Amino acid sequence: ADADVLCLQEVQSNHFADFLAPELAAAGYAGVYKKKTAEVFTGSSYATDGCATFFKRARFGLVKKYEVEFNKAALSLADGALPPERRQGALNRLLKDNVALIAVLEAVGGGGSGGGAGASSSNGNTDASEGGRGGDGSSVDGSSSSSQQNPPPPPPSRRRLVCVANTHIHANPELSDVKLWQVHTLLKGLEKISASADIPMVVAGDFNSAPGSAAHALLVRGRVPASHPDLANDPLGILRPPSKLAHGLPLASAYAAAATLPHSAAAAAALAAGEEPVVPGSTCASNGNGPPSPSQQPHASSPGSASASASSSTSAAATAANN
């Protein structure tokens, strides 16, 4: 696939540095990486995997990177919202080392300083539950600043930006509450970014969540019904009240968007029946103000089980966002 943006999960840190980054650089891509917060034993040695996002240098420049560590959000929750006697039990359940990587990209030639080599860049480590602070002192809901002496950026209305979030959600099917909490935490952080600018957004990743799950419902419908069976699995009480499990991002399943393609008659029939279409390939949830023309739309590909609506897929191109 000739994707403009690639979102990968379970990428070992040495594989990123020694193979993927140089090989994809030769193919015209730049990449950013966020490793998980713990190592795993692979049978002969310890290794750390994480999320990697690559983008075509000819199409985009990196404006800002945020790194989300759900462990930090768990510590914040345990310290501030739970009684002391429940703190350790809560941490035992919530500390799973999962992460998310958020990249704000600017289309090359988007006006003013543009993208590519001329785009300013800065990194931020953020606790999505609180908005966090960037490494340059900016918060998630604030504008990014540059460590370079670049000309002042053009007004937001003239900049062609897109925010790409890439995550790997916890896998254990018995911990549906942890999955939902991680997804909700990420979305609240993304809402802070969205509030600072009218920016199209792509949410891609390995969500380990099937259609019909509460995590999937929150992603693509913006809320979780109070009667959803997943909410019964809440030993820590972190999902109550159900009304808080909502967000204002206008996300839509890319599976549903793919159902409108000519080759997707079966998927369109499933959508008409109120079911999530099963479309070959992995997709993402995205928002925008209407479908861009074919010449405008970037494509995002997320190999692996990386979809807002399914947990096992291969790779495919999907409409990313409206520039």
Protein backbone atom coordinates (compact mmCIF):
# COMPACT_ATOMS: atom_id res chain seq x y z
CA ALA A 1 0.00 0.00 0.00
CA ASP A 2 1.24 3.48 -0.83
CA ALA A 3 0.04 5.03 2.41
CA ASP A 4 0.81 8.60 3.42
CA VAL A 5 0.70 7.64 7.11
CA LEU A 6 1.57 4.30 8.71
CA CYS A 7 0.54 3.42 12.27
CA LEU A 8 2.30 0.37 13.71
CA GLN A 9 2.02 -1.34 17.07
CA GLU A 10 4.11 -3.95 18.91
CA VAL A 11 7.25 -2.59 17.30
CA GLN A 12 10.36 -3.54 19.25
CA SER A 13 12.54 -0.54 19.95
CA ASN A 14 15.61 -2.09 18.33
CA HIS A 15 13.57 -3.09 15.26
CA PHE A 16 12.42 0.51 14.92
CA ALA A 17 15.92 1.93 15.22
CA ASP A 18 17.83 -0.71 13.28
CA PHE A 19 15.40 -1.68 10.52
CA LEU A 20 12.09 0.12 10.15
CA ALA A 21 13.31 3.71 10.52
CA PRO A 22 16.21 3.44 8.03
CA GLU A 23 14.31 1.27 5.54
CA LEU A 24 11.26 3.52 5.51
CA ALA A 25 13.47 6.61 5.43
CA ALA A 26 14.89 5.30 2.19
CA ALA A 27 11.30 5.02 0.93
CA GLY A 28 10.58 8.65 1.81
CA TYR A 29 9.10 8.34 5.31
CA ALA A 30 9.93 9.99 8.62
CA GLY A 31 8.92 8.31 11.85
CA VAL A 32 8.25 8.85 15.55
CA TYR A 33 8.20 6.18 18.23
CA LYS A 34 6.92 5.64 21.77
CA LYS A 35 7.97 2.55 23.66
CA LYS A 36 5.96 0.91 26.41
CA THR A 37 6.91 1.52 30.00
CA ALA A 38 8.14 -2.01 30.77
CA GLU A 39 10.28 -4.67 29.15
CA VAL A 40 9.08 -8.19 28.34
CA PHE A 41 11.11 -11.38 28.24
CA THR A 42 11.20 -12.80 24.71
CA GLY A 43 12.68 -16.18 25.63
CA SER A 44 16.33 -15.26 25.37
CA SER A 45 16.45 -11.57 26.27
CA TYR A 46 14.39 -8.62 27.39
CA ALA A 47 12.84 -6.30 24.82
CA THR A 48 10.56 -3.30 24.76
CA ASP A 49 7.91 -2.77 22.12
CA GLY A 50 5.81 0.26 21.36
CA CYS A 51 3.92 2.32 18.79
CA ALA A 52 5.52 3.77 15.66
CA THR A 53 3.98 6.33 13.31
CA PHE A 54 5.55 7.02 9.92
CA PHE A 55 4.53 9.71 7.46
CA LYS A 56 5.68 10.68 3.98
CA ARG A 57 8.13 13.56 4.15
CA ALA A 58 6.85 14.79 0.79
CA ARG A 59 3.34 15.15 2.25
CA PHE A 60 3.78 16.09 5.91
CA GLY A 61 6.06 17.69 8.46
CA LEU A 62 5.93 16.99 12.20
CA VAL A 63 4.58 19.93 14.21
CA LYS A 64 4.38 18.27 17.62
CA LYS A 65 4.53 14.87 19.26
CA TYR A 66 2.78 13.84 22.47
CA GLU A 67 3.54 10.63 24.35
CA VAL A 68 0.76 9.17 26.50
CA GLU A 69 1.59 6.71 29.27
CA PHE A 70 -1.53 5.16 30.75
CA ASN A 71 0.47 4.18 33.84
CA LYS A 72 0.84 7.87 34.71
CA ALA A 73 -2.90 8.34 34.34
CA ALA A 74 -3.46 5.30 36.58
CA LEU A 75 -1.21 6.74 39.29
CA SER A 76 -3.04 10.05 39.08
CA LEU A 77 -6.39 8.30 39.38
CA ALA A 78 -5.31 6.13 42.32
CA ASP A 79 -3.85 9.09 44.20
CA GLY A 80 -6.70 11.49 43.62
CA ALA A 81 -9.94 9.57 43.25
CA LEU A 82 -9.64 6.38 45.31
CA PRO A 83 -9.42 5.83 49.08
CA PRO A 84 -5.98 4.74 50.34
CA GLU A 85 -7.09 1.21 51.16
CA ARG A 86 -8.06 0.63 47.51
CA ARG A 87 -5.01 2.25 45.94
CA GLN A 88 -2.75 -0.79 45.60
CA GLY A 89 -5.51 -3.02 44.27
CA ALA A 90 -6.39 -0.37 41.70
CA LEU A 91 -2.78 -0.04 40.57
CA ASN A 92 -2.43 -3.82 40.28
CA ARG A 93 -5.35 -3.77 37.85
CA LEU A 94 -4.60 -0.59 35.91
CA LEU A 95 -0.80 -0.59 35.52
CA LYS A 96 -0.43 -2.43 32.21
CA ASP A 97 2.34 -0.37 30.53
CA ASN A 98 0.24 0.51 27.48
CA VAL A 99 0.97 3.75 25.65
CA ALA A 100 -0.26 6.04 22.90
CA LEU A 101 1.61 8.25 20.45
CA ILE A 102 0.01 11.45 19.15
CA ALA A 103 1.53 13.27 16.20
CA VAL A 104 0.29 16.61 14.89
CA LEU A 105 1.27 16.81 11.23
CA GLU A 106 1.19 19.70 8.79
CA ALA A 107 0.73 19.22 5.06
CA VAL A 108 3.75 20.31 3.07
CA GLY A 109 2.94 23.59 1.31
CA GLY A 110 0.11 24.22 3.77
CA GLY A 111 0.96 27.91 4.01
CA GLY A 112 3.41 30.01 5.99
CA SER A 113 6.23 27.91 7.37
CA GLY A 114 4.67 24.83 5.78
CA GLY A 115 5.72 21.31 6.60
CA GLY A 116 8.71 19.17 5.81
CA ALA A 117 12.12 20.43 6.80
CA GLY A 118 10.79 23.90 7.44
CA ALA A 119 8.17 22.81 9.95
CA SER A 120 8.86 23.42 13.60
CA SER A 121 8.96 20.36 15.79
CA SER A 122 8.85 19.62 19.47
CA ASN A 123 8.18 16.62 21.66
CA GLY A 124 5.89 16.33 24.64
CA ASN A 125 5.35 13.72 27.32
CA THR A 126 1.78 13.88 28.43
CA ASP A 127 -0.53 12.32 30.94
CA ALA A 128 -3.72 12.34 28.91
CA SER A 129 -5.94 12.19 31.97
CA GLU A 130 -4.78 15.64 33.02
CA GLY A 131 -3.78 17.11 29.69
CA GLY A 132 -0.10 16.89 30.60
CA ARG A 133 2.73 19.22 29.77
CA GLY A 134 4.86 19.13 26.70
CA GLY A 135 8.61 19.03 26.84
CA ASP A 136 8.61 22.64 25.65
CA GLY A 137 6.26 23.73 28.42
CA SER A 138 3.09 23.68 26.33
CA SER A 139 0.06 21.72 27.47
CA VAL A 140 -2.06 19.35 25.42
CA ASP A 141 -4.72 22.01 25.01
CA GLY A 142 -2.19 24.73 24.21
CA SER A 143 -0.47 25.56 20.97
CA SER A 144 2.85 23.90 20.24
CA SER A 145 6.01 25.93 20.23
CA SER A 146 9.29 25.40 18.45
CA SER A 147 12.76 25.00 19.81
CA GLN A 148 14.05 26.37 16.50
CA GLN A 149 14.22 29.98 15.33
CA ASN A 150 11.57 29.67 12.66
CA PRO A 151 9.32 32.43 11.28
CA PRO A 152 6.01 32.83 13.12
CA PRO A 153 3.52 30.18 11.97
CA PRO A 154 0.55 31.24 9.84
CA PRO A 155 -2.90 31.56 11.40
CA PRO A 156 -4.53 28.17 12.15
CA SER A 157 -7.10 28.73 9.40
CA ARG A 158 -4.32 28.70 6.82
CA ARG A 159 -2.46 25.68 8.18
CA ARG A 160 -3.39 22.23 6.89
CA LEU A 161 -3.00 20.14 10.03
CA VAL A 162 -4.02 16.63 10.98
CA CYS A 163 -3.70 14.92 14.35
CA VAL A 164 -2.84 11.21 14.22
CA ALA A 165 -3.18 9.15 17.40
CA ASN A 166 -1.68 5.67 17.49
CA THR A 167 -2.22 3.36 20.46
CA HIS A 168 -2.05 -0.20 21.73
CA ILE A 169 -4.81 -0.99 24.22
CA HIS A 170 -4.54 -3.78 26.81
CA ALA A 171 -5.34 -7.24 25.47
CA ASN A 172 -6.75 -9.30 28.36
CA PRO A 173 -10.42 -9.98 27.52
CA GLU A 174 -11.26 -10.26 31.23
CA LEU A 175 -10.23 -6.65 31.79
CA SER A 176 -12.84 -4.88 29.68
CA ASP A 177 -12.93 -2.11 32.30
CA VAL A 178 -9.22 -1.42 31.77
CA LYS A 179 -9.66 -1.35 27.98
CA LEU A 180 -12.54 1.11 28.26
CA TRP A 181 -10.72 3.26 30.78
CA GLN A 182 -7.63 3.46 28.54
CA VAL A 183 -9.70 4.40 25.48
CA HIS A 184 -11.63 7.02 27.46
CA THR A 185 -8.39 8.46 28.86
CA LEU A 186 -6.91 8.79 25.38
CA LEU A 187 -10.04 10.40 23.96
CA LYS A 188 -10.20 12.99 26.74
CA GLY A 189 -6.62 13.93 25.95
CA LEU A 190 -7.46 14.24 22.27
CA GLU A 191 -10.41 16.46 23.16
CA LYS A 192 -7.96 18.89 24.74
CA ILE A 193 -6.01 19.04 21.49
CA SER A 194 -9.20 19.44 19.47
CA ALA A 195 -10.32 22.29 21.71
CA SER A 196 -7.18 24.26 20.85
CA ALA A 197 -7.70 24.13 17.09
CA ASP A 198 -10.20 22.98 14.50
CA ILE A 199 -8.05 20.05 13.41
CA PRO A 200 -9.05 16.81 11.66
CA MET A 201 -8.20 13.76 13.72
CA VAL A 202 -7.35 10.10 13.11
CA VAL A 203 -7.43 7.54 15.91
CA ALA A 204 -5.68 4.32 14.91
CA GLY A 205 -4.30 1.41 16.85
CA ASP A 206 -4.57 -2.09 18.18
CA PHE A 207 -7.63 -1.69 20.37
CA ASN A 208 -8.07 -5.40 21.18
CA SER A 209 -11.82 -4.68 21.09
CA ALA A 210 -14.48 -6.16 18.88
CA PRO A 211 -17.59 -4.46 17.48
CA GLY A 212 -20.23 -4.37 20.18
CA SER A 213 -17.75 -3.80 23.00
CA ALA A 214 -18.00 -0.72 25.17
CA ALA A 215 -14.60 0.52 23.99
CA HIS A 216 -15.73 0.32 20.36
CA ALA A 217 -19.03 2.05 21.15
CA LEU A 218 -17.21 4.90 22.87
CA LEU A 219 -14.89 5.38 19.91
CA VAL A 220 -17.40 5.42 17.08
CA ARG A 221 -20.62 6.51 18.81
CA GLY A 222 -19.21 8.96 21.34
CA ARG A 223 -20.87 7.34 24.35
CA VAL A 224 -21.50 4.06 26.14
CA PRO A 225 -25.12 3.16 26.95
CA ALA A 226 -25.73 2.76 30.67
CA SER A 227 -27.15 -0.72 29.98
CA HIS A 228 -24.01 -1.97 28.20
CA PRO A 229 -22.98 -5.35 29.69
CA ASP A 230 -19.28 -4.36 29.81
CA LEU A 231 -20.11 -1.81 32.50
CA ALA A 232 -20.97 -4.62 34.92
CA ASN A 233 -17.25 -5.41 35.03
CA ASP A 234 -16.14 -2.45 37.13
CA PRO A 235 -14.59 -3.65 40.41
CA LEU A 236 -12.81 -0.32 40.96
CA GLY A 237 -15.85 1.84 40.26
CA ILE A 238 -13.89 3.85 37.68
CA LEU A 239 -16.61 3.64 35.02
CA ARG A 240 -19.33 5.29 37.10
CA PRO A 241 -21.41 7.17 36.35
CA PRO A 242 -21.81 5.86 32.79
CA SER A 243 -22.72 9.37 31.64
CA LYS A 244 -19.07 10.40 31.97
CA LEU A 245 -18.07 7.83 29.34
CA ALA A 246 -18.56 10.20 26.43
CA HIS A 247 -16.58 12.52 24.19
CA GLY A 248 -17.32 15.28 21.73
CA LEU A 249 -15.03 14.24 18.89
CA PRO A 250 -16.99 13.55 15.67
CA LEU A 251 -15.33 10.20 15.04
CA ALA A 252 -16.71 7.61 12.65
CA SER A 253 -15.65 4.06 11.96
CA ALA A 254 -13.46 3.78 8.88
CA TYR A 255 -15.03 0.37 8.33
CA ALA A 256 -18.34 2.16 7.79
CA ALA A 257 -16.65 4.59 5.40
CA ALA A 258 -15.13 1.68 3.49
CA ALA A 259 -18.61 0.23 3.06
CA THR A 260 -19.35 2.96 0.54
CA LEU A 261 -16.59 1.77 -1.80
CA PRO A 262 -17.66 -0.06 -5.00
CA HIS A 263 -16.14 -3.40 -3.90
CA SER A 264 -17.91 -3.37 -0.55
CA ALA A 265 -21.48 -4.43 -1.34
CA ALA A 266 -21.51 -6.97 1.48
CA ALA A 267 -20.18 -4.40 3.91
CA ALA A 268 -22.81 -1.90 2.79
CA ALA A 269 -25.52 -4.51 3.42
CA ALA A 270 -24.16 -5.13 6.91
CA LEU A 271 -24.14 -1.40 7.61
CA ALA A 272 -27.72 -1.06 6.42
CA ALA A 273 -28.67 -3.85 8.83
CA GLY A 274 -27.15 -1.92 11.71
CA GLU A 275 -24.08 -4.11 11.97
CA GLU A 276 -20.42 -3.16 11.81
CA PRO A 277 -19.19 -3.99 8.29
CA VAL A 278 -16.41 -6.56 8.03
CA VAL A 279 -13.97 -5.07 5.54
CA PRO A 280 -10.61 -6.68 4.76
CA GLY A 281 -7.76 -4.67 6.22
CA SER A 282 -7.26 -2.52 9.26
CA THR A 283 -8.71 0.92 9.55
CA CYS A 284 -9.11 3.73 12.00
CA ALA A 285 -11.65 6.14 13.35
CA SER A 286 -11.48 9.59 11.84
CA ASN A 287 -13.25 12.89 11.84
CA GLY A 288 -13.53 15.75 9.41
CA ASN A 289 -16.00 18.13 7.86
CA GLY A 290 -16.90 15.91 4.94
CA PRO A 291 -15.07 13.57 2.61
CA PRO A 292 -12.11 15.13 0.83
CA SER A 293 -11.64 14.72 -2.86
CA PRO A 294 -9.45 11.76 -3.94
CA SER A 295 -6.58 14.14 -4.76
CA GLN A 296 -6.71 15.70 -1.28
CA GLN A 297 -7.18 12.80 1.07
CA PRO A 298 -4.17 11.31 2.81
CA HIS A 299 -4.30 7.61 3.52
CA ALA A 300 -3.48 5.92 6.79
CA SER A 301 -2.52 2.29 7.01
CA SER A 302 -2.31 0.45 10.30
CA PRO A 303 -1.02 -3.14 9.99
CA GLY A 304 -1.82 -5.69 12.66
CA SER A 305 -4.95 -5.82 14.77
CA ALA A 306 -5.43 -2.12 14.50
CA SER A 307 -8.93 -0.89 14.15
CA ALA A 308 -11.54 1.10 15.98
CA SER A 309 -14.00 -1.65 15.17
CA ALA A 310 -12.10 -4.91 15.13
CA SER A 311 -9.16 -6.50 16.85
CA SER A 312 -7.76 -8.70 14.11
CA SER A 313 -6.95 -7.29 10.70
CA THR A 314 -4.18 -6.91 8.21
CA SER A 315 -3.31 -3.70 6.37
CA ALA A 316 -5.33 -1.43 4.12
CA ALA A 317 -5.60 2.21 3.20
CA ALA A 318 -8.31 4.29 4.78
CA THR A 319 -9.39 7.87 4.49
CA ALA A 320 -7.54 9.67 7.23
CA ALA A 321 -9.04 13.11 7.55
CA ASN A 322 -10.29 16.13 5.71
CA ASN A 323 -7.56 18.68 5.13
